[in-house]
Amino acid sequence: MAPSNWLILFIFFTLIFILFINFIYFQNSSINNLEENHKKSITSLNWKW
């Protein structure tokens, strides 16, 4: 029982850590850069289709 509980806690905290890093990254990046990346992804999808 103990190792499985530690594993669940480890996965839980790693997920929170990854979400926290992603939140900081998107807060630091400007909205214009996000819009440009979105346009690039749309154009790349159009080229694929």
PDB file of N, CA and C in Angstrom:
ATOM      1  N   MET A   1       0.829  -1.213   0.000  1.00  0.00           N
ATOM      2  CA  MET A   1       0.000   0.000   0.000  1.00  0.00           C
ATOM      3  C   MET A   1       0.861   1.260   0.000  1.00  0.00           C
ATOM      4  N   ALA A   2       1.906   1.261   0.795  1.00  0.00           N
ATOM      5  CA  ALA A   2       2.715   2.478   0.929  1.00  0.00           C
ATOM      6  C   ALA A   2       3.373   2.903  -0.388  1.00  0.00           C
ATOM      7  N   PRO A   3       4.020   2.003  -1.137  1.00  0.00           N
ATOM      8  CA  PRO A   3       4.667   2.446  -2.388  1.00  0.00           C
ATOM      9  C   PRO A   3       3.668   3.018  -3.387  1.00  0.00           C
ATOM     10  N   SER A   4       2.473   2.418  -3.487  1.00  0.00           N
ATOM     11  CA  SER A   4       1.476   2.931  -4.429  1.00  0.00           C
ATOM     12  C   SER A   4       1.015   4.331  -4.012  1.00  0.00           C
ATOM     13  N   ASN A   5       0.862   4.555  -2.699  1.00  0.00           N
ATOM     14  CA  ASN A   5       0.476   5.888  -2.230  1.00  0.00           C
ATOM     15  C   ASN A   5       1.556   6.916  -2.552  1.00  0.00           C
ATOM     16  N   TRP A   6       2.825   6.544  -2.355  1.00  0.00           N
ATOM     17  CA  TRP A   6       3.907   7.467  -2.688  1.00  0.00           C
ATOM     18  C   TRP A   6       3.925   7.750  -4.184  1.00  0.00           C
ATOM     19  N   LEU A   7       3.645   6.723  -5.000  1.00  0.00           N
ATOM     20  CA  LEU A   7       3.633   6.903  -6.453  1.00  0.00           C
ATOM     21  C   LEU A   7       2.518   7.858  -6.867  1.00  0.00           C
ATOM     22  N   ILE A   8       1.342   7.700  -6.263  1.00  0.00           N
ATOM     23  CA  ILE A   8       0.216   8.590  -6.576  1.00  0.00           C
ATOM     24  C   ILE A   8       0.556  10.023  -6.180  1.00  0.00           C
ATOM     25  N   LEU A   9       1.137  10.217  -5.003  1.00  0.00           N
ATOM     26  CA  LEU A   9       1.525  11.564  -4.575  1.00  0.00           C
ATOM     27  C   LEU A   9       2.570  12.151  -5.513  1.00  0.00           C
ATOM     28  N   PHE A  10       3.531  11.333  -5.932  1.00  0.00           N
ATOM     29  CA  PHE A  10       4.583  11.807  -6.832  1.00  0.00           C
ATOM     30  C   PHE A  10       3.991  12.261  -8.161  1.00  0.00           C
ATOM     31  N   ILE A  11       3.093  11.464  -8.730  1.00  0.00           N
ATOM     32  CA  ILE A  11       2.455  11.839  -9.999  1.00  0.00           C
ATOM     33  C   ILE A  11       1.628  13.107  -9.811  1.00  0.00           C
ATOM     34  N   PHE A  12       0.902  13.198  -8.700  1.00  0.00           N
ATOM     35  CA  PHE A  12       0.057  14.362  -8.433  1.00  0.00           C
ATOM     36  C   PHE A  12       0.881  15.649  -8.371  1.00  0.00           C
ATOM     37  N   PHE A  13       2.006  15.613  -7.619  1.00  0.00           N
ATOM     38  CA  PHE A  13       2.825  16.817  -7.486  1.00  0.00           C
ATOM     39  C   PHE A  13       3.559  17.151  -8.776  1.00  0.00           C
ATOM     40  N   THR A  14       3.956  16.141  -9.547  1.00  0.00           N
ATOM     41  CA  THR A  14       4.615  16.432 -10.825  1.00  0.00           C
ATOM     42  C   THR A  14       3.633  17.086 -11.790  1.00  0.00           C
ATOM     43  N   LEU A  15       2.379  16.644 -11.792  1.00  0.00           N
ATOM     44  CA  LEU A  15       1.383  17.274 -12.659  1.00  0.00           C
ATOM     45  C   LEU A  15       1.157  18.729 -12.253  1.00  0.00           C
ATOM     46  N   ILE A  16       1.059  18.996 -10.963  1.00  0.00           N
ATOM     47  CA  ILE A  16       0.892  20.374 -10.487  1.00  0.00           C
ATOM     48  C   ILE A  16       2.096  21.216 -10.889  1.00  0.00           C
ATOM     49  N   PHE A  17       3.300  20.644 -10.776  1.00  0.00           N
ATOM     50  CA  PHE A  17       4.524  21.364 -11.132  1.00  0.00           C
ATOM     51  C   PHE A  17       4.537  21.714 -12.617  1.00  0.00           C
ATOM     52  N   ILE A  18       4.149  20.761 -13.466  1.00  0.00           N
ATOM     53  CA  ILE A  18       4.120  21.013 -14.913  1.00  0.00           C
ATOM     54  C   ILE A  18       3.081  22.084 -15.237  1.00  0.00           C
ATOM     55  N   LEU A  19       1.905  22.017 -14.622  1.00  0.00           N
ATOM     56  CA  LEU A  19       0.874  23.024 -14.866  1.00  0.00           C
ATOM     57  C   LEU A  19       1.341  24.404 -14.406  1.00  0.00           C
ATOM     58  N   PHE A  20       2.053  24.464 -13.280  1.00  0.00           N
ATOM     59  CA  PHE A  20       2.557  25.734 -12.768  1.00  0.00           C
ATOM     60  C   PHE A  20       3.573  26.339 -13.731  1.00  0.00           C
ATOM     61  N   ILE A  21       4.476  25.509 -14.269  1.00  0.00           N
ATOM     62  CA  ILE A  21       5.472  26.000 -15.228  1.00  0.00           C
ATOM     63  C   ILE A  21       4.774  26.502 -16.493  1.00  0.00           C
ATOM     64  N   ASN A  22       3.776  25.762 -16.972  1.00  0.00           N
ATOM     65  CA  ASN A  22       3.056  26.198 -18.170  1.00  0.00           C
ATOM     66  C   ASN A  22       2.335  27.518 -17.918  1.00  0.00           C
ATOM     67  N   PHE A  23       1.743  27.685 -16.733  1.00  0.00           N
ATOM     68  CA  PHE A  23       1.047  28.927 -16.399  1.00  0.00           C
ATOM     69  C   PHE A  23       2.014  30.111 -16.417  1.00  0.00           C
ATOM     70  N   ILE A  24       3.197  29.950 -15.804  1.00  0.00           N
ATOM     71  CA  ILE A  24       4.194  31.027 -15.790  1.00  0.00           C
ATOM     72  C   ILE A  24       4.653  31.331 -17.215  1.00  0.00           C
ATOM     73  N   TYR A  25       4.868  30.293 -18.022  1.00  0.00           N
ATOM     74  CA  TYR A  25       5.353  30.487 -19.388  1.00  0.00           C
ATOM     75  C   TYR A  25       4.346  31.284 -20.206  1.00  0.00           C
ATOM     76  N   PHE A  26       3.062  30.946 -20.103  1.00  0.00           N
ATOM     77  CA  PHE A  26       2.061  31.654 -20.885  1.00  0.00           C
ATOM     78  C   PHE A  26       1.809  33.056 -20.343  1.00  0.00           C
ATOM     79  N   GLN A  27       2.002  33.267 -19.050  1.00  0.00           N
ATOM     80  CA  GLN A  27       1.873  34.616 -18.503  1.00  0.00           C
ATOM     81  C   GLN A  27       3.003  35.508 -19.003  1.00  0.00           C
ATOM     82  N   ASN A  28       4.233  34.958 -19.100  1.00  0.00           N
ATOM     83  CA  ASN A  28       5.371  35.759 -19.536  1.00  0.00           C
ATOM     84  C   ASN A  28       5.314  36.055 -21.028  1.00  0.00           C
ATOM     85  N   SER A  29       4.830  35.104 -21.828  1.00  0.00           N
ATOM     86  CA  SER A  29       4.761  35.328 -23.272  1.00  0.00           C
ATOM     87  C   SER A  29       3.636  36.314 -23.574  1.00  0.00           C
ATOM     88  N   SER A  30       3.883  37.193 -24.528  1.00  0.00           N
ATOM     89  CA  SER A  30       2.898  38.224 -24.851  1.00  0.00           C
ATOM     90  C   SER A  30       1.767  37.645 -25.693  1.00  0.00           C
ATOM     91  N   ILE A  31       0.631  38.360 -25.699  1.00  0.00           N
ATOM     92  CA  ILE A  31      -0.537  37.897 -26.450  1.00  0.00           C
ATOM     93  C   ILE A  31      -0.247  37.939 -27.954  1.00  0.00           C
ATOM     94  N   ASN A  32       0.508  38.934 -28.406  1.00  0.00           N
ATOM     95  CA  ASN A  32       0.815  39.033 -29.830  1.00  0.00           C
ATOM     96  C   ASN A  32       1.597  37.820 -30.309  1.00  0.00           C
ATOM     97  N   ASN A  33       2.575  37.382 -29.530  1.00  0.00           N
ATOM     98  CA  ASN A  33       3.347  36.206 -29.911  1.00  0.00           C
ATOM     99  C   ASN A  33       2.457  34.969 -29.962  1.00  0.00           C
ATOM    100  N   LEU A  34       1.535  34.855 -29.023  1.00  0.00           N
ATOM    101  CA  LEU A  34       0.625  33.713 -29.035  1.00  0.00           C
ATOM    102  C   LEU A  34      -0.259  33.761 -30.275  1.00  0.00           C
ATOM    103  N   GLU A  35      -0.733  34.958 -30.659  1.00  0.00           N
ATOM    104  CA  GLU A  35      -1.558  35.079 -31.857  1.00  0.00           C
ATOM    105  C   GLU A  35      -0.758  34.724 -33.103  1.00  0.00           C
ATOM    106  N   GLU A  36       0.505  35.167 -33.168  1.00  0.00           N
ATOM    107  CA  GLU A  36       1.343  34.841 -34.316  1.00  0.00           C
ATOM    108  C   GLU A  36       1.563  33.339 -34.415  1.00  0.00           C
ATOM    109  N   ASN A  37       1.815  32.701 -33.280  1.00  0.00           N
ATOM    110  CA  ASN A  37       1.997  31.252 -33.285  1.00  0.00           C
ATOM    111  C   ASN A  37       0.713  30.546 -33.713  1.00  0.00           C
ATOM    112  N   HIS A  38      -0.427  31.073 -33.299  1.00  0.00           N
ATOM    113  CA  HIS A  38      -1.708  30.484 -33.687  1.00  0.00           C
ATOM    114  C   HIS A  38      -1.904  30.606 -35.195  1.00  0.00           C
ATOM    115  N   LYS A  39      -1.586  31.779 -35.757  1.00  0.00           N
ATOM    116  CA  LYS A  39      -1.700  31.960 -37.206  1.00  0.00           C
ATOM    117  C   LYS A  39      -0.764  31.013 -37.941  1.00  0.00           C
ATOM    118  N   LYS A  40       0.466  30.856 -37.434  1.00  0.00           N
ATOM    119  CA  LYS A  40       1.416  29.942 -38.067  1.00  0.00           C
ATOM    120  C   LYS A  40       0.887  28.511 -38.034  1.00  0.00           C
ATOM    121  N   SER A  41       0.305  28.109 -36.923  1.00  0.00           N
ATOM    122  CA  SER A  41      -0.218  26.742 -36.826  1.00  0.00           C
ATOM    123  C   SER A  41      -1.378  26.560 -37.801  1.00  0.00           C
ATOM    124  N   ILE A  42      -2.230  27.594 -37.946  1.00  0.00           N
ATOM    125  CA  ILE A  42      -3.353  27.500 -38.884  1.00  0.00           C
ATOM    126  C   ILE A  42      -2.823  27.387 -40.316  1.00  0.00           C
ATOM    127  N   THR A  43      -1.832  28.199 -40.677  1.00  0.00           N
ATOM    128  CA  THR A  43      -1.288  28.147 -42.034  1.00  0.00           C
ATOM    129  C   THR A  43      -0.624  26.798 -42.292  1.00  0.00           C
ATOM    130  N   SER A  44       0.069  26.258 -41.302  1.00  0.00           N
ATOM    131  CA  SER A  44       0.708  24.947 -41.481  1.00  0.00           C
ATOM    132  C   SER A  44      -0.357  23.873 -41.673  1.00  0.00           C
ATOM    133  N   LEU A  45      -1.473  23.974 -40.939  1.00  0.00           N
ATOM    134  CA  LEU A  45      -2.552  23.006 -41.124  1.00  0.00           C
ATOM    135  C   LEU A  45      -3.151  23.143 -42.521  1.00  0.00           C
ATOM    136  N   ASN A  46      -3.308  24.381 -43.014  1.00  0.00           N
ATOM    137  CA  ASN A  46      -3.835  24.577 -44.361  1.00  0.00           C
ATOM    138  C   ASN A  46      -2.897  23.978 -45.399  1.00  0.00           C
ATOM    139  N   TRP A  47      -1.594  24.136 -45.201  1.00  0.00           N
ATOM    140  CA  TRP A  47      -0.637  23.552 -46.138  1.00  0.00           C
ATOM    141  C   TRP A  47      -0.718  22.031 -46.108  1.00  0.00           C
ATOM    142  N   LYS A  48      -0.910  21.454 -44.927  1.00  0.00           N
ATOM    143  CA  LYS A  48      -1.023  19.989 -44.840  1.00  0.00           C
ATOM    144  C   LYS A  48      -2.268  19.507 -45.578  1.00  0.00           C
ATOM    145  N   TRP A  49      -3.380  20.218 -45.444  1.00  0.00           N
ATOM    146  CA  TRP A  49      -4.611  19.797 -46.109  1.00  0.00           C
ATOM    147  C   TRP A  49      -4.583  20.185 -47.582  1.00  0.00           C
TER     148      TRP A  49
END
